[in-house]
Protein backbone atom coordinates (compact mmCIF):
# COMPACT_ATOMS: atom_id res chain seq x y z
CA UNK A 1 -2.36 14.11 25.32
CA UNK A 2 -3.57 11.40 28.01
CA UNK A 3 -6.42 9.87 26.21
CA UNK A 4 -9.28 9.63 29.05
CA UNK A 5 -12.06 6.93 28.58
CA UNK A 6 -14.28 10.11 28.05
CA UNK A 7 -12.05 11.45 25.15
CA UNK A 8 -11.67 7.80 23.52
CA UNK A 9 -15.20 7.48 23.53
CA UNK A 10 -15.91 11.25 21.58
CA UNK A 11 -13.30 10.28 19.34
CA UNK A 12 -14.80 7.13 18.39
CA UNK A 13 -17.94 9.02 18.02
CA UNK A 14 -16.80 11.57 16.13
CA UNK A 15 -15.33 9.60 13.92
CA UNK A 16 -17.98 7.72 12.96
CA UNK A 17 -20.07 10.29 11.95
CA UNK A 18 -16.89 11.21 9.75
CA UNK A 19 -16.18 14.39 11.22
CA UNK A 20 -12.36 15.38 10.04
CA UNK A 21 -9.43 14.75 12.33
CA UNK A 22 -8.73 18.44 13.10
CA UNK A 23 -12.21 19.15 14.05
CA UNK A 24 -12.49 16.04 16.37
CA UNK A 25 -9.06 17.91 17.55
CA UNK A 26 -10.46 21.31 18.27
CA UNK A 27 -13.25 19.62 19.81
CA UNK A 28 -11.43 17.77 22.25
CA UNK A 29 -9.18 21.07 23.48
CA UNK A 30 -6.93 21.26 21.11
CA UNK A 31 -5.77 18.12 20.09
CA UNK A 32 -3.57 17.73 17.16
CA UNK A 33 -5.02 16.29 14.23
CA UNK A 34 -2.00 13.97 13.84
CA UNK A 35 -2.39 12.62 17.24
CA UNK A 36 -6.63 11.85 16.78
CA UNK A 37 -5.28 10.09 13.70
CA UNK A 38 -2.55 7.85 15.48
CA UNK A 39 -5.07 7.33 18.39
CA UNK A 40 -7.79 6.47 15.84
CA UNK A 41 -5.25 4.30 14.40
CA UNK A 42 -4.37 2.38 17.53
CA UNK A 43 -8.15 1.87 18.16
CA UNK A 44 -8.32 0.03 14.51
CA UNK A 45 -11.07 2.74 13.77
CA UNK A 46 -11.25 2.14 9.86
CA UNK A 47 -10.08 4.54 7.66
CA UNK A 48 -12.27 7.88 6.83
CA UNK A 49 -14.60 7.85 3.89
CA UNK A 50 -15.20 11.84 2.48
CA UNK A 51 -18.71 12.55 1.37
CA UNK A 52 -19.34 10.97 -1.84
CA UNK A 53 -16.59 8.68 -1.73
CA UNK A 54 -17.53 4.83 -1.39
CA UNK A 55 -14.71 1.92 -0.23
CA UNK A 56 -14.13 0.00 -3.39
CA UNK A 57 -13.23 -3.95 -3.52
CA UNK A 58 -9.71 -4.29 -4.32
CA UNK A 59 -9.51 -5.13 -8.24
CA UNK A 60 -9.41 -8.69 -8.97
CA UNK A 61 -6.48 -9.73 -10.86
CA UNK A 62 -6.05 -13.08 -11.93
CA UNK A 63 -3.42 -14.92 -14.23
CA UNK A 64 -5.02 -14.45 -17.45
CA UNK A 65 -5.35 -10.44 -16.79
CA UNK A 66 -1.79 -10.34 -16.56
CA UNK A 67 0.51 -8.15 -18.55
CA UNK A 68 4.20 -8.37 -19.08
CA UNK A 69 3.93 -4.50 -17.66
CA UNK A 70 1.83 -5.41 -14.51
CA UNK A 71 3.54 -6.48 -10.72
CA UNK A 72 3.06 -10.29 -10.60
CA UNK A 73 3.31 -10.57 -6.39
CA UNK A 74 0.64 -12.82 -4.95
CA UNK A 75 -1.68 -11.51 -2.83
CA UNK A 76 -3.89 -14.96 -0.91
CA UNK A 77 -3.51 -18.38 -1.47
CA UNK A 78 -3.68 -19.88 -4.93
CA UNK A 79 -6.64 -22.05 -3.43
CA UNK A 80 -8.69 -19.22 -2.52
CA UNK A 81 -11.71 -17.82 -4.42
CA UNK A 82 -10.09 -14.32 -3.59
CA UNK A 83 -6.66 -15.25 -5.11
CA UNK A 84 -5.27 -12.42 -7.16
CA UNK A 85 -2.25 -10.74 -8.50
CA UNK A 86 -0.90 -6.94 -7.47
CA UNK A 87 -1.39 -5.51 -10.86
CA UNK A 88 0.36 -2.21 -10.14
CA UNK A 89 3.28 -1.24 -12.64
CA UNK A 90 6.39 -3.33 -12.74
CA UNK A 91 9.75 -1.90 -12.60
CA UNK A 92 10.84 -2.88 -16.33
CA UNK A 93 13.42 -5.44 -14.87
CA UNK A 94 11.68 -7.24 -12.26
CA UNK A 95 8.39 -8.85 -12.07
CA UNK A 96 7.07 -6.56 -9.16
CA UNK A 97 6.23 -2.71 -8.53
CA UNK A 98 8.84 -0.97 -5.96
CA UNK A 99 6.62 -1.83 -3.25
CA UNK A 100 6.92 -5.74 -3.98
CA UNK A 101 10.74 -5.42 -4.50
CA UNK A 102 11.11 -4.34 -1.69
CA UNK A 103 9.60 -7.33 0.10
CA UNK A 104 11.33 -9.70 -2.43
CA UNK A 105 14.88 -8.79 -2.88
CA UNK A 106 17.47 -7.94 -0.10
CA UNK A 107 20.86 -5.97 -0.94
CA UNK A 108 23.84 -8.40 0.21
CA UNK A 109 25.27 -7.96 3.36
CA UNK A 110 29.05 -7.49 3.57
CA UNK A 111 29.27 -10.33 5.95
CA UNK A 112 27.70 -12.29 3.38
CA UNK A 113 29.84 -11.10 0.22
């Protein structure tokens, strides 16, 4: 798909109105849903929110809110008012959830061993 200026303008307009990616593709002349989503992402368009749905702000989990079953990955800078912890369920043998364990831990390479 060659994204012309007109096609991009149409994409932006329909996307902002909440038109589903599949329908946008059809209106653009048979562009795949994935192509529409990919282009929207590259243009920095926000995620579409369906009818009745509201983008909810992230849950703020402070130190005093943490339990021993919650991920303790810090988000933000400790001095900032919006500083919080992940709070997702943690892996039982680690202090973090799966996503943050991937970031925190690396396997030892054979060269380093």
